[in-house]
PDB file of N, CA and C in Angstrom:
ATOM      1  N   MET A   1      28.932   3.994 -11.268  1.00  0.00           N
ATOM      2  CA  MET A   1      27.726   3.360 -11.764  1.00  0.00           C
ATOM      3  C   MET A   1      26.533   4.158 -11.249  1.00  0.00           C
ATOM      4  N   LYS A   2      25.549   4.335 -12.102  1.00  0.00           N
ATOM      5  CA  LYS A   2      24.323   5.037 -11.734  1.00  0.00           C
ATOM      6  C   LYS A   2      23.140   4.211 -12.201  1.00  0.00           C
ATOM      7  N   LYS A   3      22.216   3.939 -11.296  1.00  0.00           N
ATOM      8  CA  LYS A   3      21.022   3.142 -11.613  1.00  0.00           C
ATOM      9  C   LYS A   3      19.799   3.815 -11.011  1.00  0.00           C
ATOM     10  N   THR A   4      18.666   3.600 -11.618  1.00  0.00           N
ATOM     11  CA  THR A   4      17.385   4.015 -11.068  1.00  0.00           C
ATOM     12  C   THR A   4      16.771   2.791 -10.413  1.00  0.00           C
ATOM     13  N   VAL A   5      16.340   2.956  -9.183  1.00  0.00           N
ATOM     14  CA  VAL A   5      15.756   1.845  -8.436  1.00  0.00           C
ATOM     15  C   VAL A   5      14.312   2.188  -8.104  1.00  0.00           C
ATOM     16  N   GLU A   6      13.414   1.275  -8.402  1.00  0.00           N
ATOM     17  CA  GLU A   6      12.003   1.445  -8.066  1.00  0.00           C
ATOM     18  C   GLU A   6      11.742   0.737  -6.744  1.00  0.00           C
ATOM     19  N   VAL A   7      11.248   1.498  -5.749  1.00  0.00           N
ATOM     20  CA  VAL A   7      10.956   0.948  -4.430  1.00  0.00           C
ATOM     21  C   VAL A   7       9.455   1.040  -4.194  1.00  0.00           C
ATOM     22  N   THR A   8       8.857  -0.061  -3.817  1.00  0.00           N
ATOM     23  CA  THR A   8       7.431  -0.112  -3.524  1.00  0.00           C
ATOM     24  C   THR A   8       7.246  -0.574  -2.095  1.00  0.00           C
ATOM     25  N   MET A   9       6.432   0.163  -1.342  1.00  0.00           N
ATOM     26  CA  MET A   9       6.154  -0.215   0.048  1.00  0.00           C
ATOM     27  C   MET A   9       4.647  -0.248   0.258  1.00  0.00           C
ATOM     28  N   ILE A  10       4.219  -1.175   1.061  1.00  0.00           N
ATOM     29  CA  ILE A  10       2.826  -1.224   1.500  1.00  0.00           C
ATOM     30  C   ILE A  10       2.846  -0.952   2.992  1.00  0.00           C
ATOM     31  N   VAL A  11       2.115   0.098   3.391  1.00  0.00           N
ATOM     32  CA  VAL A  11       2.089   0.530   4.787  1.00  0.00           C
ATOM     33  C   VAL A  11       0.672   0.392   5.319  1.00  0.00           C
ATOM     34  N   GLU A  12       0.541  -0.308   6.429  1.00  0.00           N
ATOM     35  CA  GLU A  12      -0.748  -0.447   7.103  1.00  0.00           C
ATOM     36  C   GLU A  12      -0.852   0.658   8.149  1.00  0.00           C
ATOM     37  N   VAL A  13      -1.908   1.461   8.064  1.00  0.00           N
ATOM     38  CA  VAL A  13      -2.092   2.591   8.965  1.00  0.00           C
ATOM     39  C   VAL A  13      -3.399   2.428   9.723  1.00  0.00           C
ATOM     40  N   GLU A  14      -3.322   2.653  11.031  1.00  0.00           N
ATOM     41  CA  GLU A  14      -4.509   2.630  11.894  1.00  0.00           C
ATOM     42  C   GLU A  14      -4.559   3.961  12.633  1.00  0.00           C
ATOM     43  N   VAL A  15      -5.746   4.578  12.680  1.00  0.00           N
ATOM     44  CA  VAL A  15      -5.930   5.826  13.420  1.00  0.00           C
ATOM     45  C   VAL A  15      -7.205   5.734  14.237  1.00  0.00           C
ATOM     46  N   ASP A  16      -7.261   6.516  15.304  1.00  0.00           N
ATOM     47  CA  ASP A  16      -8.483   6.658  16.088  1.00  0.00           C
ATOM     48  C   ASP A  16      -9.244   7.833  15.486  1.00  0.00           C
ATOM     49  N   GLU A  17     -10.259   7.535  14.678  1.00  0.00           N
ATOM     50  CA  GLU A  17     -10.999   8.583  13.966  1.00  0.00           C
ATOM     51  C   GLU A  17     -11.589   9.631  14.901  1.00  0.00           C
ATOM     52  N   SER A  18     -11.887   9.254  16.131  1.00  0.00           N
ATOM     53  CA  SER A  18     -12.495  10.215  17.061  1.00  0.00           C
ATOM     54  C   SER A  18     -11.532  11.343  17.424  1.00  0.00           C
ATOM     55  N   LYS A  19     -10.241  11.141  17.214  1.00  0.00           N
ATOM     56  CA  LYS A  19      -9.241  12.176  17.520  1.00  0.00           C
ATOM     57  C   LYS A  19      -9.164  13.241  16.418  1.00  0.00           C
ATOM     58  N   PHE A  20      -9.683  12.918  15.237  1.00  0.00           N
ATOM     59  CA  PHE A  20      -9.638  13.840  14.111  1.00  0.00           C
ATOM     60  C   PHE A  20     -10.902  14.693  14.103  1.00  0.00           C
ATOM     61  N   THR A  21     -11.020  15.481  15.145  1.00  0.00           N
ATOM     62  CA  THR A  21     -12.192  16.336  15.348  1.00  0.00           C
ATOM     63  C   THR A  21     -12.177  17.493  14.340  1.00  0.00           C
ATOM     64  N   PRO A  22     -13.327  18.152  14.167  1.00  0.00           N
ATOM     65  CA  PRO A  22     -13.339  19.329  13.286  1.00  0.00           C
ATOM     66  C   PRO A  22     -12.303  20.373  13.714  1.00  0.00           C
ATOM     67  N   GLU A  23     -12.112  20.546  15.006  1.00  0.00           N
ATOM     68  CA  GLU A  23     -11.119  21.512  15.492  1.00  0.00           C
ATOM     69  C   GLU A  23      -9.699  21.083  15.102  1.00  0.00           C
ATOM     70  N   PHE A  24      -9.373  19.800  15.309  1.00  0.00           N
ATOM     71  CA  PHE A  24      -8.050  19.302  14.923  1.00  0.00           C
ATOM     72  C   PHE A  24      -7.839  19.482  13.423  1.00  0.00           C
ATOM     73  N   MET A  25      -8.849  19.118  12.625  1.00  0.00           N
ATOM     74  CA  MET A  25      -8.725  19.212  11.172  1.00  0.00           C
ATOM     75  C   MET A  25      -8.486  20.667  10.749  1.00  0.00           C
ATOM     76  N   ARG A  26      -9.199  21.597  11.355  1.00  0.00           N
ATOM     77  CA  ARG A  26      -9.048  23.020  11.029  1.00  0.00           C
ATOM     78  C   ARG A  26      -7.645  23.500  11.374  1.00  0.00           C
ATOM     79  N   GLU A  27      -7.189  23.176  12.585  1.00  0.00           N
ATOM     80  CA  GLU A  27      -5.857  23.601  13.018  1.00  0.00           C
ATOM     81  C   GLU A  27      -4.768  22.986  12.135  1.00  0.00           C
ATOM     82  N   PHE A  28      -4.939  21.728  11.747  1.00  0.00           N
ATOM     83  CA  PHE A  28      -3.962  21.068  10.881  1.00  0.00           C
ATOM     84  C   PHE A  28      -3.911  21.770   9.527  1.00  0.00           C
ATOM     85  N   ARG A  29      -5.081  22.081   8.966  1.00  0.00           N
ATOM     86  CA  ARG A  29      -5.133  22.789   7.676  1.00  0.00           C
ATOM     87  C   ARG A  29      -4.457  24.153   7.763  1.00  0.00           C
ATOM     88  N   GLU A  30      -4.655  24.851   8.865  1.00  0.00           N
ATOM     89  CA  GLU A  30      -4.073  26.185   9.027  1.00  0.00           C
ATOM     90  C   GLU A  30      -2.547  26.141   9.121  1.00  0.00           C
ATOM     91  N   SER A  31      -2.008  25.063   9.672  1.00  0.00           N
ATOM     92  CA  SER A  31      -0.561  24.994   9.899  1.00  0.00           C
ATOM     93  C   SER A  31       0.201  24.112   8.915  1.00  0.00           C
ATOM     94  N   PHE A  32      -0.489  23.144   8.295  1.00  0.00           N
ATOM     95  CA  PHE A  32       0.236  22.164   7.484  1.00  0.00           C
ATOM     96  C   PHE A  32      -0.341  22.013   6.077  1.00  0.00           C
ATOM     97  N   TYR A  33      -1.284  21.102   5.909  1.00  0.00           N
ATOM     98  CA  TYR A  33      -1.802  20.779   4.580  1.00  0.00           C
ATOM     99  C   TYR A  33      -3.318  20.914   4.568  1.00  0.00           C
ATOM    100  N   ASP A  34      -3.861  21.113   3.385  1.00  0.00           N
ATOM    101  CA  ASP A  34      -5.293  21.318   3.200  1.00  0.00           C
ATOM    102  C   ASP A  34      -6.042  19.978   3.184  1.00  0.00           C
ATOM    103  N   PHE A  35      -5.950  19.241   4.277  1.00  0.00           N
ATOM    104  CA  PHE A  35      -6.605  17.941   4.390  1.00  0.00           C
ATOM    105  C   PHE A  35      -8.022  18.128   4.941  1.00  0.00           C
ATOM    106  N   HIS A  36      -8.984  17.482   4.287  1.00  0.00           N
ATOM    107  CA  HIS A  36     -10.379  17.586   4.716  1.00  0.00           C
ATOM    108  C   HIS A  36     -10.957  16.251   5.180  1.00  0.00           C
ATOM    109  N   GLU A  37     -10.286  15.163   4.886  1.00  0.00           N
ATOM    110  CA  GLU A  37     -10.781  13.827   5.234  1.00  0.00           C
ATOM    111  C   GLU A  37      -9.717  13.074   6.034  1.00  0.00           C
ATOM    112  N   VAL A  38     -10.180  12.151   6.876  1.00  0.00           N
ATOM    113  CA  VAL A  38      -9.253  11.320   7.642  1.00  0.00           C
ATOM    114  C   VAL A  38      -8.371  10.513   6.682  1.00  0.00           C
ATOM    115  N   GLU A  39      -8.933  10.123   5.529  1.00  0.00           N
ATOM    116  CA  GLU A  39      -8.164   9.368   4.544  1.00  0.00           C
ATOM    117  C   GLU A  39      -6.946  10.163   4.052  1.00  0.00           C
ATOM    118  N   ASP A  40      -7.075  11.504   3.983  1.00  0.00           N
ATOM    119  CA  ASP A  40      -5.924  12.335   3.608  1.00  0.00           C
ATOM    120  C   ASP A  40      -4.793  12.155   4.617  1.00  0.00           C
ATOM    121  N   HIS A  41      -5.158  12.106   5.899  1.00  0.00           N
ATOM    122  CA  HIS A  41      -4.169  11.915   6.952  1.00  0.00           C
ATOM    123  C   HIS A  41      -3.563  10.518   6.877  1.00  0.00           C
ATOM    124  N   ILE A  42      -4.389   9.519   6.617  1.00  0.00           N
ATOM    125  CA  ILE A  42      -3.900   8.144   6.524  1.00  0.00           C
ATOM    126  C   ILE A  42      -2.854   8.029   5.419  1.00  0.00           C
ATOM    127  N   MET A  43      -3.113   8.640   4.268  1.00  0.00           N
ATOM    128  CA  MET A  43      -2.137   8.591   3.172  1.00  0.00           C
ATOM    129  C   MET A  43      -0.861   9.344   3.546  1.00  0.00           C
ATOM    130  N   HIS A  44      -1.001  10.481   4.224  1.00  0.00           N
ATOM    131  CA  HIS A  44       0.154  11.268   4.647  1.00  0.00           C
ATOM    132  C   HIS A  44       0.991  10.493   5.670  1.00  0.00           C
ATOM    133  N   ILE A  45       0.326   9.869   6.627  1.00  0.00           N
ATOM    134  CA  ILE A  45       1.014   9.080   7.657  1.00  0.00           C
ATOM    135  C   ILE A  45       1.763   7.905   7.009  1.00  0.00           C
ATOM    136  N   ALA A  46       1.141   7.252   6.034  1.00  0.00           N
ATOM    137  CA  ALA A  46       1.805   6.140   5.336  1.00  0.00           C
ATOM    138  C   ALA A  46       3.064   6.632   4.632  1.00  0.00           C
ATOM    139  N   GLN A  47       2.970   7.788   3.994  1.00  0.00           N
ATOM    140  CA  GLN A  47       4.117   8.357   3.295  1.00  0.00           C
ATOM    141  C   GLN A  47       5.223   8.722   4.280  1.00  0.00           C
ATOM    142  N   LEU A  48       4.861   9.278   5.432  1.00  0.00           N
ATOM    143  CA  LEU A  48       5.863   9.599   6.454  1.00  0.00           C
ATOM    144  C   LEU A  48       6.561   8.329   6.944  1.00  0.00           C
ATOM    145  N   GLU A  49       5.775   7.272   7.168  1.00  0.00           N
ATOM    146  CA  GLU A  49       6.355   5.992   7.618  1.00  0.00           C
ATOM    147  C   GLU A  49       7.296   5.431   6.548  1.00  0.00           C
ATOM    148  N   ALA A  50       6.890   5.490   5.299  1.00  0.00           N
ATOM    149  CA  ALA A  50       7.713   4.953   4.208  1.00  0.00           C
ATOM    150  C   ALA A  50       9.034   5.706   4.088  1.00  0.00           C
ATOM    151  N   ARG A  51       9.029   6.985   4.416  1.00  0.00           N
ATOM    152  CA  ARG A  51      10.235   7.802   4.326  1.00  0.00           C
ATOM    153  C   ARG A  51      11.028   7.822   5.624  1.00  0.00           C
ATOM    154  N   GLY A  52      10.566   7.095   6.645  1.00  0.00           N
ATOM    155  CA  GLY A  52      11.280   7.036   7.914  1.00  0.00           C
ATOM    156  C   GLY A  52      11.127   8.296   8.749  1.00  0.00           C
ATOM    157  N   LEU A  53      10.055   9.052   8.536  1.00  0.00           N
ATOM    158  CA  LEU A  53       9.858  10.320   9.244  1.00  0.00           C
ATOM    159  C   LEU A  53       8.779  10.257  10.322  1.00  0.00           C
ATOM    160  N   LEU A  54       8.199   9.100  10.535  1.00  0.00           N
ATOM    161  CA  LEU A  54       7.158   8.947  11.549  1.00  0.00           C
ATOM    162  C   LEU A  54       7.817   8.517  12.855  1.00  0.00           C
ATOM    163  N   SER A  55       7.642   9.311  13.904  1.00  0.00           N
ATOM    164  CA  SER A  55       8.246   9.005  15.199  1.00  0.00           C
ATOM    165  C   SER A  55       7.162   8.806  16.245  1.00  0.00           C
ATOM    166  N   PRO A  56       7.176   7.676  16.941  1.00  0.00           N
ATOM    167  CA  PRO A  56       6.163   7.432  17.973  1.00  0.00           C
ATOM    168  C   PRO A  56       6.157   8.509  19.054  1.00  0.00           C
ATOM    169  N   ARG A  57       7.324   9.047  19.388  1.00  0.00           N
ATOM    170  CA  ARG A  57       7.417  10.039  20.468  1.00  0.00           C
ATOM    171  C   ARG A  57       6.789  11.368  20.085  1.00  0.00           C
ATOM    172  N   PHE A  58       7.024  11.807  18.828  1.00  0.00           N
ATOM    173  CA  PHE A  58       6.458  13.071  18.368  1.00  0.00           C
ATOM    174  C   PHE A  58       6.594  13.163  16.859  1.00  0.00           C
ATOM    175  N   THR A  59       5.490  13.368  16.190  1.00  0.00           N
ATOM    176  CA  THR A  59       5.492  13.617  14.756  1.00  0.00           C
ATOM    177  C   THR A  59       4.798  14.944  14.530  1.00  0.00           C
ATOM    178  N   GLU A  60       5.472  15.837  13.824  1.00  0.00           N
ATOM    179  CA  GLU A  60       4.939  17.176  13.606  1.00  0.00           C
ATOM    180  C   GLU A  60       3.525  17.107  13.028  1.00  0.00           C
ATOM    181  N   GLY A  61       2.638  17.854  13.649  1.00  0.00           N
ATOM    182  CA  GLY A  61       1.244  17.890  13.223  1.00  0.00           C
ATOM    183  C   GLY A  61       0.350  16.945  14.010  1.00  0.00           C
ATOM    184  N   TYR A  62       0.952  15.898  14.597  1.00  0.00           N
ATOM    185  CA  TYR A  62       0.179  14.881  15.306  1.00  0.00           C
ATOM    186  C   TYR A  62       0.579  14.739  16.768  1.00  0.00           C
ATOM    187  N   GLY A  63       1.787  15.156  17.124  1.00  0.00           N
ATOM    188  CA  GLY A  63       2.274  14.977  18.484  1.00  0.00           C
ATOM    189  C   GLY A  63       2.657  13.528  18.710  1.00  0.00           C
ATOM    190  N   PRO A  64       2.587  13.064  19.983  1.00  0.00           N
ATOM    191  CA  PRO A  64       2.856  11.650  20.255  1.00  0.00           C
ATOM    192  C   PRO A  64       1.805  10.791  19.543  1.00  0.00           C
ATOM    193  N   LEU A  65       2.239   9.814  18.777  1.00  0.00           N
ATOM    194  CA  LEU A  65       1.310   9.030  17.964  1.00  0.00           C
ATOM    195  C   LEU A  65       0.257   8.303  18.793  1.00  0.00           C
ATOM    196  N   ALA A  66       0.632   7.824  19.970  1.00  0.00           N
ATOM    197  CA  ALA A  66      -0.327   7.103  20.814  1.00  0.00           C
ATOM    198  C   ALA A  66      -1.499   8.005  21.212  1.00  0.00           C
ATOM    199  N   ASP A  67      -1.228   9.296  21.380  1.00  0.00           N
ATOM    200  CA  ASP A  67      -2.298  10.229  21.747  1.00  0.00           C
ATOM    201  C   ASP A  67      -3.347  10.363  20.651  1.00  0.00           C
ATOM    202  N   MET A  68      -2.960  10.113  19.408  1.00  0.00           N
ATOM    203  CA  MET A  68      -3.887  10.196  18.276  1.00  0.00           C
ATOM    204  C   MET A  68      -4.365   8.809  17.839  1.00  0.00           C
ATOM    205  N   GLY A  69      -3.914   7.773  18.550  1.00  0.00           N
ATOM    206  CA  GLY A  69      -4.298   6.413  18.167  1.00  0.00           C
ATOM    207  C   GLY A  69      -3.708   6.003  16.829  1.00  0.00           C
ATOM    208  N   ILE A  70      -2.542   6.547  16.503  1.00  0.00           N
ATOM    209  CA  ILE A  70      -1.908   6.284  15.206  1.00  0.00           C
ATOM    210  C   ILE A  70      -0.900   5.147  15.334  1.00  0.00           C
ATOM    211  N   LYS A  71      -1.045   4.180  14.421  1.00  0.00           N
ATOM    212  CA  LYS A  71      -0.075   3.096  14.287  1.00  0.00           C
ATOM    213  C   LYS A  71       0.189   2.919  12.800  1.00  0.00           C
ATOM    214  N   ALA A  72       1.429   2.720  12.445  1.00  0.00           N
ATOM    215  CA  ALA A  72       1.784   2.498  11.044  1.00  0.00           C
ATOM    216  C   ALA A  72       2.919   1.495  10.966  1.00  0.00           C
ATOM    217  N   ASP A  73       2.771   0.530  10.083  1.00  0.00           N
ATOM    218  CA  ASP A  73       3.782  -0.501   9.906  1.00  0.00           C
ATOM    219  C   ASP A  73       3.944  -0.821   8.429  1.00  0.00           C
ATOM    220  N   VAL A  74       5.198  -0.960   8.002  1.00  0.00           N
ATOM    221  CA  VAL A  74       5.469  -1.430   6.651  1.00  0.00           C
ATOM    222  C   VAL A  74       5.197  -2.933   6.662  1.00  0.00           C
ATOM    223  N   VAL A  75       4.251  -3.379   5.839  1.00  0.00           N
ATOM    224  CA  VAL A  75       3.901  -4.798   5.813  1.00  0.00           C
ATOM    225  C   VAL A  75       4.498  -5.523   4.609  1.00  0.00           C
ATOM    226  N   ASP A  76       4.974  -4.749   3.622  1.00  0.00           N
ATOM    227  CA  ASP A  76       5.633  -5.359   2.471  1.00  0.00           C
ATOM    228  C   ASP A  76       6.491  -4.300   1.790  1.00  0.00           C
ATOM    229  N   GLN A  77       7.610  -4.743   1.257  1.00  0.00           N
ATOM    230  CA  GLN A  77       8.511  -3.831   0.555  1.00  0.00           C
ATOM    231  C   GLN A  77       9.238  -4.606  -0.527  1.00  0.00           C
ATOM    232  N   SER A  78       9.397  -3.956  -1.663  1.00  0.00           N
ATOM    233  CA  SER A  78      10.185  -4.567  -2.734  1.00  0.00           C
ATOM    234  C   SER A  78      10.952  -3.472  -3.456  1.00  0.00           C
ATOM    235  N   GLN A  79      12.028  -3.863  -4.064  1.00  0.00           N
ATOM    236  CA  GLN A  79      12.803  -2.940  -4.857  1.00  0.00           C
ATOM    237  C   GLN A  79      13.373  -3.683  -6.052  1.00  0.00           C
ATOM    238  N   GLU A  80      13.482  -2.945  -7.158  1.00  0.00           N
ATOM    239  CA  GLU A  80      14.035  -3.552  -8.358  1.00  0.00           C
ATOM    240  C   GLU A  80      14.653  -2.458  -9.228  1.00  0.00           C
ATOM    241  N   ILE A  81      15.557  -2.878 -10.054  1.00  0.00           N
ATOM    242  CA  ILE A  81      16.137  -1.987 -11.058  1.00  0.00           C
ATOM    243  C   ILE A  81      15.411  -2.313 -12.365  1.00  0.00           C
ATOM    244  N   PRO A  82      14.553  -1.392 -12.811  1.00  0.00           N
ATOM    245  CA  PRO A  82      13.781  -1.666 -14.033  1.00  0.00           C
ATOM    246  C   PRO A  82      14.689  -1.739 -15.252  1.00  0.00           C
ATOM    247  N   GLU A  83      14.301  -2.555 -16.196  1.00  0.00           N
ATOM    248  CA  GLU A  83      15.029  -2.653 -17.454  1.00  0.00           C
ATOM    249  C   GLU A  83      14.863  -1.341 -18.232  1.00  0.00           C
ATOM    250  N   PRO A  84      15.895  -0.857 -18.866  1.00  0.00           N
ATOM    251  CA  PRO A  84      15.742   0.358 -19.679  1.00  0.00           C
ATOM    252  C   PRO A  84      14.753   0.125 -20.820  1.00  0.00           C
ATOM    253  N   VAL A  85      14.052   1.178 -21.165  1.00  0.00           N
ATOM    254  CA  VAL A  85      13.045   1.063 -22.227  1.00  0.00           C
ATOM    255  C   VAL A  85      13.643   1.364 -23.570  1.00  0.00           C
TER     256      VAL A  85
END
């Protein structure tokens, strides 16, 4: 049996904006993604949490999450098998 499943997650993300200094942003862009706004990081962090790739001990690009004031929690999740069109 093969089915397509639609999964929707809502992730609440909190960051300490003061940690996202111009120097941090520049270094992150040079090594990872072309992010220019803290909101870019918030969306990326939410996606990492949704995929199970966010680790409190160390997350690539951010280090230990507590050092960056990063917290992320899945606050809602649903999944369904959509009806074929």
